[in-house]
Amino acid sequence: MARQVIYTFKGETKTIAFSYDKHHDLYEAAAEAEGIDLTNFLKMEAQIAMTSKKGAKAERDFRRTEFARFGFTSIKFVREDDEPAK
Protein backbone atom coordinates (compact mmCIF):
# COMPACT_ATOMS: atom_id res chain seq x y z
CA MET A 1 0.00 0.00 0.00
CA ALA A 2 1.33 3.42 -0.95
CA ARG A 3 1.71 6.00 1.79
CA GLN A 4 -0.54 8.99 1.85
CA VAL A 5 -0.50 12.23 3.79
CA ILE A 6 -3.64 13.99 4.94
CA TYR A 7 -3.36 17.67 5.85
CA THR A 8 -5.50 20.72 6.45
CA PHE A 9 -4.34 23.93 4.81
CA LYS A 10 -6.30 27.13 5.42
CA GLY A 11 -9.39 25.16 6.41
CA GLU A 12 -9.36 22.74 3.45
CA THR A 13 -8.44 19.08 4.05
CA LYS A 14 -6.48 17.34 1.29
CA THR A 15 -4.83 13.95 0.76
CA ILE A 16 -1.64 13.46 -1.28
CA ALA A 17 0.65 10.58 -2.17
CA PHE A 18 3.94 10.39 -0.26
CA SER A 19 7.29 8.78 -1.02
CA TYR A 20 10.56 9.03 0.91
CA ASP A 21 12.31 8.94 -2.48
CA LYS A 22 10.88 12.36 -3.27
CA HIS A 23 10.51 14.07 0.15
CA HIS A 24 12.41 14.12 3.42
CA ASP A 25 9.22 14.11 5.50
CA LEU A 26 5.48 14.65 5.33
CA TYR A 27 5.80 18.38 6.09
CA GLU A 28 7.94 18.96 3.00
CA ALA A 29 5.46 16.98 0.87
CA ALA A 30 2.51 19.07 2.08
CA ALA A 31 4.40 22.33 1.56
CA GLU A 32 5.34 21.32 -1.99
CA ALA A 33 1.72 20.40 -2.75
CA GLU A 34 0.69 23.92 -1.71
CA GLY A 35 3.54 25.62 -3.57
CA ILE A 36 5.34 26.88 -0.46
CA ASP A 37 9.09 27.53 -0.82
CA LEU A 38 10.89 26.06 2.20
CA THR A 39 14.41 27.32 1.38
CA ASN A 40 14.62 29.84 4.24
CA PHE A 41 12.70 27.57 6.60
CA LEU A 42 15.16 24.69 6.05
CA LYS A 43 18.15 27.00 6.63
CA MET A 44 16.71 28.21 9.93
CA GLU A 45 15.81 24.66 10.97
CA ALA A 46 19.42 23.57 10.34
CA GLN A 47 20.69 26.48 12.46
CA ILE A 48 18.35 25.50 15.30
CA ALA A 49 19.56 21.90 15.09
CA MET A 50 23.20 23.02 15.34
CA THR A 51 22.75 25.48 18.19
CA SER A 52 19.92 24.15 20.34
CA LYS A 53 20.70 22.40 23.60
CA LYS A 54 17.22 20.87 23.59
CA GLY A 55 17.90 19.08 20.30
CA ALA A 56 14.99 17.49 18.50
CA LYS A 57 12.35 19.12 20.71
CA ALA A 58 13.44 22.60 19.61
CA GLU A 59 13.30 21.52 15.97
CA ARG A 60 9.81 20.02 16.36
CA ASP A 61 8.54 23.15 18.11
CA PHE A 62 9.98 25.38 15.39
CA ARG A 63 8.48 23.18 12.65
CA ARG A 64 5.02 23.16 14.26
CA THR A 65 5.05 26.92 14.81
CA GLU A 66 6.20 27.77 11.30
CA PHE A 67 3.81 25.40 9.57
CA ALA A 68 0.95 26.85 11.59
CA ARG A 69 2.08 30.28 10.40
CA PHE A 70 2.04 29.00 6.79
CA GLY A 71 -1.61 27.97 7.29
CA PHE A 72 -1.40 24.26 8.13
CA THR A 73 -3.47 23.06 11.08
CA SER A 74 -2.89 19.30 10.74
CA ILE A 75 -0.39 17.11 8.89
CA LYS A 76 -0.24 13.36 9.37
CA PHE A 77 0.10 10.04 7.59
CA VAL A 78 -3.15 8.35 6.58
CA ARG A 79 -3.78 5.23 8.63
CA GLU A 80 -6.09 2.46 7.57
CA ASP A 81 -8.69 3.51 10.15
CA ASP A 82 -8.63 7.09 8.76
CA GLU A 83 -9.85 5.91 5.37
CA PRO A 84 -13.58 5.69 4.67
CA ALA A 85 -15.10 2.19 4.60
CA LYS A 86 -15.59 0.66 1.17
PDB file of N, CA and C in Angstrom:
ATOM      1  N   MET A   1       0.838  -1.185   0.000  1.00  0.00           N
ATOM      2  CA  MET A   1       0.000   0.000   0.000  1.00  0.00           C
ATOM      3  C   MET A   1       0.881   1.247   0.000  1.00  0.00           C
ATOM      4  N   ALA A   2       0.582   2.170  -0.867  1.00  0.00           N
ATOM      5  CA  ALA A   2       1.335   3.417  -0.949  1.00  0.00           C
ATOM      6  C   ALA A   2       0.990   4.297   0.239  1.00  0.00           C
ATOM      7  N   ARG A   3       1.963   5.075   0.674  1.00  0.00           N
ATOM      8  CA  ARG A   3       1.715   5.997   1.789  1.00  0.00           C
ATOM      9  C   ARG A   3       0.989   7.226   1.279  1.00  0.00           C
ATOM     10  N   GLN A   4       0.167   7.761   2.159  1.00  0.00           N
ATOM     11  CA  GLN A   4      -0.543   8.993   1.853  1.00  0.00           C
ATOM     12  C   GLN A   4      -0.454   9.919   3.055  1.00  0.00           C
ATOM     13  N   VAL A   5      -0.511  11.204   2.762  1.00  0.00           N
ATOM     14  CA  VAL A   5      -0.499  12.234   3.794  1.00  0.00           C
ATOM     15  C   VAL A   5      -1.825  12.972   3.715  1.00  0.00           C
ATOM     16  N   ILE A   6      -2.429  13.185   4.868  1.00  0.00           N
ATOM     17  CA  ILE A   6      -3.642  13.995   4.939  1.00  0.00           C
ATOM     18  C   ILE A   6      -3.291  15.260   5.722  1.00  0.00           C
ATOM     19  N   TYR A   7      -3.678  16.407   5.180  1.00  0.00           N
ATOM     20  CA  TYR A   7      -3.360  17.666   5.849  1.00  0.00           C
ATOM     21  C   TYR A   7      -4.490  18.668   5.660  1.00  0.00           C
ATOM     22  N   THR A   8      -4.528  19.633   6.548  1.00  0.00           N
ATOM     23  CA  THR A   8      -5.499  20.715   6.454  1.00  0.00           C
ATOM     24  C   THR A   8      -4.726  22.008   6.257  1.00  0.00           C
ATOM     25  N   PHE A   9      -5.022  22.680   5.152  1.00  0.00           N
ATOM     26  CA  PHE A   9      -4.345  23.930   4.807  1.00  0.00           C
ATOM     27  C   PHE A   9      -5.401  24.997   4.612  1.00  0.00           C
ATOM     28  N   LYS A  10      -5.352  26.011   5.462  1.00  0.00           N
ATOM     29  CA  LYS A  10      -6.298  27.132   5.418  1.00  0.00           C
ATOM     30  C   LYS A  10      -7.742  26.638   5.384  1.00  0.00           C
ATOM     31  N   GLY A  11      -8.030  25.648   6.247  1.00  0.00           N
ATOM     32  CA  GLY A  11      -9.394  25.158   6.408  1.00  0.00           C
ATOM     33  C   GLY A  11      -9.827  24.085   5.426  1.00  0.00           C
ATOM     34  N   GLU A  12      -9.001  23.747   4.454  1.00  0.00           N
ATOM     35  CA  GLU A  12      -9.359  22.737   3.452  1.00  0.00           C
ATOM     36  C   GLU A  12      -8.504  21.486   3.648  1.00  0.00           C
ATOM     37  N   THR A  13      -9.151  20.334   3.836  1.00  0.00           N
ATOM     38  CA  THR A  13      -8.442  19.078   4.047  1.00  0.00           C
ATOM     39  C   THR A  13      -8.160  18.412   2.703  1.00  0.00           C
ATOM     40  N   LYS A  14      -6.910  17.966   2.536  1.00  0.00           N
ATOM     41  CA  LYS A  14      -6.475  17.340   1.290  1.00  0.00           C
ATOM     42  C   LYS A  14      -5.658  16.095   1.594  1.00  0.00           C
ATOM     43  N   THR A  15      -5.626  15.170   0.647  1.00  0.00           N
ATOM     44  CA  THR A  15      -4.828  13.952   0.758  1.00  0.00           C
ATOM     45  C   THR A  15      -3.905  13.877  -0.451  1.00  0.00           C
ATOM     46  N   ILE A  16      -2.618  13.579  -0.200  1.00  0.00           N
ATOM     47  CA  ILE A  16      -1.642  13.465  -1.283  1.00  0.00           C
ATOM     48  C   ILE A  16      -0.832  12.183  -1.112  1.00  0.00           C
ATOM     49  N   ALA A  17      -0.242  11.729  -2.217  1.00  0.00           N
ATOM     50  CA  ALA A  17       0.654  10.577  -2.173  1.00  0.00           C
ATOM     51  C   ALA A  17       1.990  11.012  -1.575  1.00  0.00           C
ATOM     52  N   PHE A  18       2.664  10.076  -0.902  1.00  0.00           N
ATOM     53  CA  PHE A  18       3.937  10.389  -0.263  1.00  0.00           C
ATOM     54  C   PHE A  18       4.950   9.295  -0.549  1.00  0.00           C
ATOM     55  N   SER A  19       6.193   9.714  -0.812  1.00  0.00           N
ATOM     56  CA  SER A  19       7.294   8.779  -1.022  1.00  0.00           C
ATOM     57  C   SER A  19       8.559   9.375  -0.420  1.00  0.00           C
ATOM     58  N   TYR A  20       9.293   8.555   0.337  1.00  0.00           N
ATOM     59  CA  TYR A  20      10.559   9.027   0.905  1.00  0.00           C
ATOM     60  C   TYR A  20      11.601   9.249  -0.189  1.00  0.00           C
ATOM     61  N   ASP A  21      11.398   8.691  -1.368  1.00  0.00           N
ATOM     62  CA  ASP A  21      12.312   8.942  -2.482  1.00  0.00           C
ATOM     63  C   ASP A  21      12.243  10.394  -2.942  1.00  0.00           C
ATOM     64  N   LYS A  22      11.089  11.002  -2.771  1.00  0.00           N
ATOM     65  CA  LYS A  22      10.878  12.358  -3.269  1.00  0.00           C
ATOM     66  C   LYS A  22      10.969  13.425  -2.174  1.00  0.00           C
ATOM     67  N   HIS A  23      10.548  13.087  -0.940  1.00  0.00           N
ATOM     68  CA  HIS A  23      10.512  14.074   0.146  1.00  0.00           C
ATOM     69  C   HIS A  23      11.193  13.553   1.398  1.00  0.00           C
ATOM     70  N   HIS A  24      11.752  14.451   2.154  1.00  0.00           N
ATOM     71  CA  HIS A  24      12.414  14.118   3.417  1.00  0.00           C
ATOM     72  C   HIS A  24      11.399  13.711   4.479  1.00  0.00           C
ATOM     73  N   ASP A  25      10.272  14.424   4.530  1.00  0.00           N
ATOM     74  CA  ASP A  25       9.225  14.108   5.500  1.00  0.00           C
ATOM     75  C   ASP A  25       7.870  14.602   5.000  1.00  0.00           C
ATOM     76  N   LEU A  26       6.824  14.308   5.760  1.00  0.00           N
ATOM     77  CA  LEU A  26       5.477  14.654   5.327  1.00  0.00           C
ATOM     78  C   LEU A  26       5.236  16.162   5.289  1.00  0.00           C
ATOM     79  N   TYR A  27       5.943  16.924   6.111  1.00  0.00           N
ATOM     80  CA  TYR A  27       5.802  18.382   6.094  1.00  0.00           C
ATOM     81  C   TYR A  27       6.281  18.963   4.760  1.00  0.00           C
ATOM     82  N   GLU A  28       7.410  18.482   4.286  1.00  0.00           N
ATOM     83  CA  GLU A  28       7.935  18.965   3.004  1.00  0.00           C
ATOM     84  C   GLU A  28       6.999  18.591   1.855  1.00  0.00           C
ATOM     85  N   ALA A  29       6.397  17.403   1.915  1.00  0.00           N
ATOM     86  CA  ALA A  29       5.464  16.980   0.874  1.00  0.00           C
ATOM     87  C   ALA A  29       4.232  17.889   0.850  1.00  0.00           C
ATOM     88  N   ALA A  30       3.683  18.197   2.008  1.00  0.00           N
ATOM     89  CA  ALA A  30       2.508  19.070   2.082  1.00  0.00           C
ATOM     90  C   ALA A  30       2.837  20.482   1.601  1.00  0.00           C
ATOM     91  N   ALA A  31       3.998  20.979   1.990  1.00  0.00           N
ATOM     92  CA  ALA A  31       4.397  22.325   1.556  1.00  0.00           C
ATOM     93  C   ALA A  31       4.565  22.381   0.039  1.00  0.00           C
ATOM     94  N   GLU A  32       5.169  21.352  -0.538  1.00  0.00           N
ATOM     95  CA  GLU A  32       5.338  21.325  -1.995  1.00  0.00           C
ATOM     96  C   GLU A  32       3.981  21.278  -2.692  1.00  0.00           C
ATOM     97  N   ALA A  33       3.051  20.501  -2.152  1.00  0.00           N
ATOM     98  CA  ALA A  33       1.718  20.404  -2.747  1.00  0.00           C
ATOM     99  C   ALA A  33       1.011  21.752  -2.763  1.00  0.00           C
ATOM    100  N   GLU A  34       1.310  22.593  -1.795  1.00  0.00           N
ATOM    101  CA  GLU A  34       0.690  23.919  -1.713  1.00  0.00           C
ATOM    102  C   GLU A  34       1.547  25.014  -2.349  1.00  0.00           C
ATOM    103  N   GLY A  35       2.697  24.641  -2.890  1.00  0.00           N
ATOM    104  CA  GLY A  35       3.544  25.624  -3.568  1.00  0.00           C
ATOM    105  C   GLY A  35       4.317  26.540  -2.633  1.00  0.00           C
ATOM    106  N   ILE A  36       4.617  26.073  -1.435  1.00  0.00           N
ATOM    107  CA  ILE A  36       5.343  26.877  -0.458  1.00  0.00           C
ATOM    108  C   ILE A  36       6.841  26.594  -0.579  1.00  0.00           C
ATOM    109  N   ASP A  37       7.633  27.660  -0.733  1.00  0.00           N
ATOM    110  CA  ASP A  37       9.092  27.532  -0.818  1.00  0.00           C
ATOM    111  C   ASP A  37       9.670  27.416   0.590  1.00  0.00           C
ATOM    112  N   LEU A  38      10.354  26.315   0.859  1.00  0.00           N
ATOM    113  CA  LEU A  38      10.891  26.065   2.198  1.00  0.00           C
ATOM    114  C   LEU A  38      12.383  26.380   2.317  1.00  0.00           C
ATOM    115  N   THR A  39      12.977  27.052   1.366  1.00  0.00           N
ATOM    116  CA  THR A  39      14.407  27.319   1.380  1.00  0.00           C
ATOM    117  C   THR A  39      14.848  28.000   2.677  1.00  0.00           C
ATOM    118  N   ASN A  40      14.244  29.112   3.018  1.00  0.00           N
ATOM    119  CA  ASN A  40      14.624  29.837   4.245  1.00  0.00           C
ATOM    120  C   ASN A  40      14.261  29.052   5.499  1.00  0.00           C
ATOM    121  N   PHE A  41      13.125  28.387   5.467  1.00  0.00           N
ATOM    122  CA  PHE A  41      12.702  27.568   6.601  1.00  0.00           C
ATOM    123  C   PHE A  41      13.737  26.477   6.895  1.00  0.00           C
ATOM    124  N   LEU A  42      14.195  25.780   5.858  1.00  0.00           N
ATOM    125  CA  LEU A  42      15.157  24.691   6.050  1.00  0.00           C
ATOM    126  C   LEU A  42      16.505  25.207   6.560  1.00  0.00           C
ATOM    127  N   LYS A  43      16.910  26.391   6.121  1.00  0.00           N
ATOM    128  CA  LYS A  43      18.148  26.996   6.631  1.00  0.00           C
ATOM    129  C   LYS A  43      18.032  27.296   8.123  1.00  0.00           C
ATOM    130  N   MET A  44      16.914  27.878   8.523  1.00  0.00           N
ATOM    131  CA  MET A  44      16.709  28.208   9.934  1.00  0.00           C
ATOM    132  C   MET A  44      16.611  26.932  10.768  1.00  0.00           C
ATOM    133  N   GLU A  45      15.936  25.925  10.258  1.00  0.00           N
ATOM    134  CA  GLU A  45      15.812  24.662  10.975  1.00  0.00           C
ATOM    135  C   GLU A  45      17.189  24.027  11.200  1.00  0.00           C
ATOM    136  N   ALA A  46      18.058  24.107  10.204  1.00  0.00           N
ATOM    137  CA  ALA A  46      19.420  23.574  10.341  1.00  0.00           C
ATOM    138  C   ALA A  46      20.197  24.354  11.406  1.00  0.00           C
ATOM    139  N   GLN A  47      20.020  25.663  11.444  1.00  0.00           N
ATOM    140  CA  GLN A  47      20.689  26.475  12.460  1.00  0.00           C
ATOM    141  C   GLN A  47      20.200  26.118  13.856  1.00  0.00           C
ATOM    142  N   ILE A  48      18.906  25.892  13.988  1.00  0.00           N
ATOM    143  CA  ILE A  48      18.350  25.501  15.296  1.00  0.00           C
ATOM    144  C   ILE A  48      18.921  24.155  15.716  1.00  0.00           C
ATOM    145  N   ALA A  49      19.023  23.230  14.774  1.00  0.00           N
ATOM    146  CA  ALA A  49      19.561  21.905  15.087  1.00  0.00           C
ATOM    147  C   ALA A  49      21.010  21.991  15.559  1.00  0.00           C
ATOM    148  N   MET A  50      21.786  22.888  14.971  1.00  0.00           N
ATOM    149  CA  MET A  50      23.197  23.016  15.340  1.00  0.00           C
ATOM    150  C   MET A  50      23.402  23.734  16.673  1.00  0.00           C
ATOM    151  N   THR A  51      22.507  24.647  17.018  1.00  0.00           N
ATOM    152  CA  THR A  51      22.749  25.481  18.193  1.00  0.00           C
ATOM    153  C   THR A  51      21.892  25.155  19.411  1.00  0.00           C
ATOM    154  N   SER A  52      20.839  24.406  19.228  1.00  0.00           N
ATOM    155  CA  SER A  52      19.922  24.150  20.337  1.00  0.00           C
ATOM    156  C   SER A  52      20.454  23.100  21.294  1.00  0.00           C
ATOM    157  N   LYS A  53      20.320  23.375  22.575  1.00  0.00           N
ATOM    158  CA  LYS A  53      20.698  22.402  23.601  1.00  0.00           C
ATOM    159  C   LYS A  53      19.573  21.408  23.844  1.00  0.00           C
ATOM    160  N   LYS A  54      18.365  21.767  23.407  1.00  0.00           N
ATOM    161  CA  LYS A  54      17.220  20.872  23.588  1.00  0.00           C
ATOM    162  C   LYS A  54      17.072  19.895  22.431  1.00  0.00           C
ATOM    163  N   GLY A  55      17.874  20.033  21.393  1.00  0.00           N
ATOM    164  CA  GLY A  55      17.899  19.079  20.298  1.00  0.00           C
ATOM    165  C   GLY A  55      16.620  18.982  19.497  1.00  0.00           C
ATOM    166  N   ALA A  56      16.126  17.765  19.358  1.00  0.00           N
ATOM    167  CA  ALA A  56      14.990  17.493  18.496  1.00  0.00           C
ATOM    168  C   ALA A  56      13.719  18.214  18.940  1.00  0.00           C
ATOM    169  N   LYS A  57      13.548  18.434  20.225  1.00  0.00           N
ATOM    170  CA  LYS A  57      12.350  19.124  20.709  1.00  0.00           C
ATOM    171  C   LYS A  57      12.292  20.551  20.160  1.00  0.00           C
ATOM    172  N   ALA A  58      13.398  21.239  20.142  1.00  0.00           N
ATOM    173  CA  ALA A  58      13.437  22.603  19.613  1.00  0.00           C
ATOM    174  C   ALA A  58      13.097  22.601  18.121  1.00  0.00           C
ATOM    175  N   GLU A  59      13.600  21.617  17.400  1.00  0.00           N
ATOM    176  CA  GLU A  59      13.299  21.522  15.966  1.00  0.00           C
ATOM    177  C   GLU A  59      11.816  21.261  15.741  1.00  0.00           C
ATOM    178  N   ARG A  60      11.241  20.330  16.504  1.00  0.00           N
ATOM    179  CA  ARG A  60       9.807  20.020  16.362  1.00  0.00           C
ATOM    180  C   ARG A  60       8.951  21.243  16.679  1.00  0.00           C
ATOM    181  N   ASP A  61       9.302  21.952  17.738  1.00  0.00           N
ATOM    182  CA  ASP A  61       8.544  23.147  18.112  1.00  0.00           C
ATOM    183  C   ASP A  61       8.619  24.207  17.018  1.00  0.00           C
ATOM    184  N   PHE A  62       9.815  24.415  16.463  1.00  0.00           N
ATOM    185  CA  PHE A  62       9.984  25.381  15.386  1.00  0.00           C
ATOM    186  C   PHE A  62       9.156  24.969  14.173  1.00  0.00           C
ATOM    187  N   ARG A  63       9.220  23.685  13.815  1.00  0.00           N
ATOM    188  CA  ARG A  63       8.485  23.181  12.653  1.00  0.00           C
ATOM    189  C   ARG A  63       6.977  23.373  12.843  1.00  0.00           C
ATOM    190  N   ARG A  64       6.455  23.000  14.001  1.00  0.00           N
ATOM    191  CA  ARG A  64       5.017  23.156  14.255  1.00  0.00           C
ATOM    192  C   ARG A  64       4.590  24.625  14.179  1.00  0.00           C
ATOM    193  N   THR A  65       5.369  25.492  14.787  1.00  0.00           N
ATOM    194  CA  THR A  65       5.049  26.916  14.805  1.00  0.00           C
ATOM    195  C   THR A  65       5.059  27.512  13.402  1.00  0.00           C
ATOM    196  N   GLU A  66       6.091  27.206  12.642  1.00  0.00           N
ATOM    197  CA  GLU A  66       6.204  27.772  11.298  1.00  0.00           C
ATOM    198  C   GLU A  66       5.135  27.227  10.359  1.00  0.00           C
ATOM    199  N   PHE A  67       4.834  25.947  10.445  1.00  0.00           N
ATOM    200  CA  PHE A  67       3.807  25.401   9.566  1.00  0.00           C
ATOM    201  C   PHE A  67       2.423  25.927   9.937  1.00  0.00           C
ATOM    202  N   ALA A  68       2.201  26.204  11.195  1.00  0.00           N
ATOM    203  CA  ALA A  68       0.947  26.847  11.591  1.00  0.00           C
ATOM    204  C   ALA A  68       0.894  28.253  11.001  1.00  0.00           C
ATOM    205  N   ARG A  69       2.020  28.939  10.994  1.00  0.00           N
ATOM    206  CA  ARG A  69       2.083  30.283  10.404  1.00  0.00           C
ATOM    207  C   ARG A  69       1.821  30.235   8.891  1.00  0.00           C
ATOM    208  N   PHE A  70       2.291  29.168   8.226  1.00  0.00           N
ATOM    209  CA  PHE A  70       2.039  28.998   6.792  1.00  0.00           C
ATOM    210  C   PHE A  70       0.560  28.759   6.496  1.00  0.00           C
ATOM    211  N   GLY A  71      -0.190  28.232   7.487  1.00  0.00           N
ATOM    212  CA  GLY A  71      -1.615  27.974   7.285  1.00  0.00           C
ATOM    213  C   GLY A  71      -2.019  26.521   7.489  1.00  0.00           C
ATOM    214  N   PHE A  72      -1.096  25.669   7.891  1.00  0.00           N
ATOM    215  CA  PHE A  72      -1.397  24.258   8.130  1.00  0.00           C
ATOM    216  C   PHE A  72      -1.890  24.075   9.569  1.00  0.00           C
ATOM    217  N   THR A  73      -2.985  23.332   9.733  1.00  0.00           N
ATOM    218  CA  THR A  73      -3.468  23.057  11.080  1.00  0.00           C
ATOM    219  C   THR A  73      -3.278  21.594  11.452  1.00  0.00           C
ATOM    220  N   SER A  74      -3.082  20.724  10.477  1.00  0.00           N
ATOM    221  CA  SER A  74      -2.892  19.301  10.743  1.00  0.00           C
ATOM    222  C   SER A  74      -2.139  18.675   9.583  1.00  0.00           C
ATOM    223  N   ILE A  75      -1.127  17.868   9.900  1.00  0.00           N
ATOM    224  CA  ILE A  75      -0.390  17.114   8.887  1.00  0.00           C
ATOM    225  C   ILE A  75      -0.073  15.761   9.498  1.00  0.00           C
ATOM    226  N   LYS A  76      -0.523  14.693   8.846  1.00  0.00           N
ATOM    227  CA  LYS A  76      -0.244  13.355   9.370  1.00  0.00           C
ATOM    228  C   LYS A  76      -0.344  12.323   8.259  1.00  0.00           C
ATOM    229  N   PHE A  77       0.233  11.143   8.521  1.00  0.00           N
ATOM    230  CA  PHE A  77       0.097  10.040   7.593  1.00  0.00           C
ATOM    231  C   PHE A  77      -1.314   9.474   7.708  1.00  0.00           C
ATOM    232  N   VAL A  78      -1.854   9.005   6.581  1.00  0.00           N
ATOM    233  CA  VAL A  78      -3.152   8.351   6.583  1.00  0.00           C
ATOM    234  C   VAL A  78      -2.965   6.943   7.115  1.00  0.00           C
ATOM    235  N   ARG A  79      -3.772   6.594   8.106  1.00  0.00           N
ATOM    236  CA  ARG A  79      -3.776   5.232   8.626  1.00  0.00           C
ATOM    237  C   ARG A  79      -4.992   4.519   8.061  1.00  0.00           C
ATOM    238  N   GLU A  80      -4.981   3.223   8.119  1.00  0.00           N
ATOM    239  CA  GLU A  80      -6.085   2.457   7.573  1.00  0.00           C
ATOM    240  C   GLU A  80      -7.412   2.849   8.208  1.00  0.00           C
ATOM    241  N   ASP A  81      -7.431   3.134   9.503  1.00  0.00           N
ATOM    242  CA  ASP A  81      -8.685   3.505  10.151  1.00  0.00           C
ATOM    243  C   ASP A  81      -9.113   4.943   9.845  1.00  0.00           C
ATOM    244  N   ASP A  82      -8.254   5.744   9.192  1.00  0.00           N
ATOM    245  CA  ASP A  82      -8.628   7.093   8.755  1.00  0.00           C
ATOM    246  C   ASP A  82      -9.393   7.072   7.446  1.00  0.00           C
ATOM    247  N   GLU A  83      -9.226   5.999   6.688  1.00  0.00           N
ATOM    248  CA  GLU A  83      -9.853   5.907   5.372  1.00  0.00           C
ATOM    249  C   GLU A  83     -11.326   5.528   5.505  1.00  0.00           C
ATOM    250  N   PRO A  84     -12.167   6.047   4.612  1.00  0.00           N
ATOM    251  CA  PRO A  84     -13.584   5.687   4.666  1.00  0.00           C
ATOM    252  C   PRO A  84     -13.792   4.211   4.310  1.00  0.00           C
ATOM    253  N   ALA A  85     -14.803   3.596   4.886  1.00  0.00           N
ATOM    254  CA  ALA A  85     -15.103   2.188   4.603  1.00  0.00           C
ATOM    255  C   ALA A  85     -15.583   2.024   3.179  1.00  0.00           C
ATOM    256  N   LYS A  86     -15.194   0.903   2.570  1.00  0.00           N
ATOM    257  CA  LYS A  86     -15.590   0.657   1.175  1.00  0.00           C
ATOM    258  C   LYS A  86     -16.741  -0.307   1.096  1.00  0.00           C
TER     259      LYS A  86
END
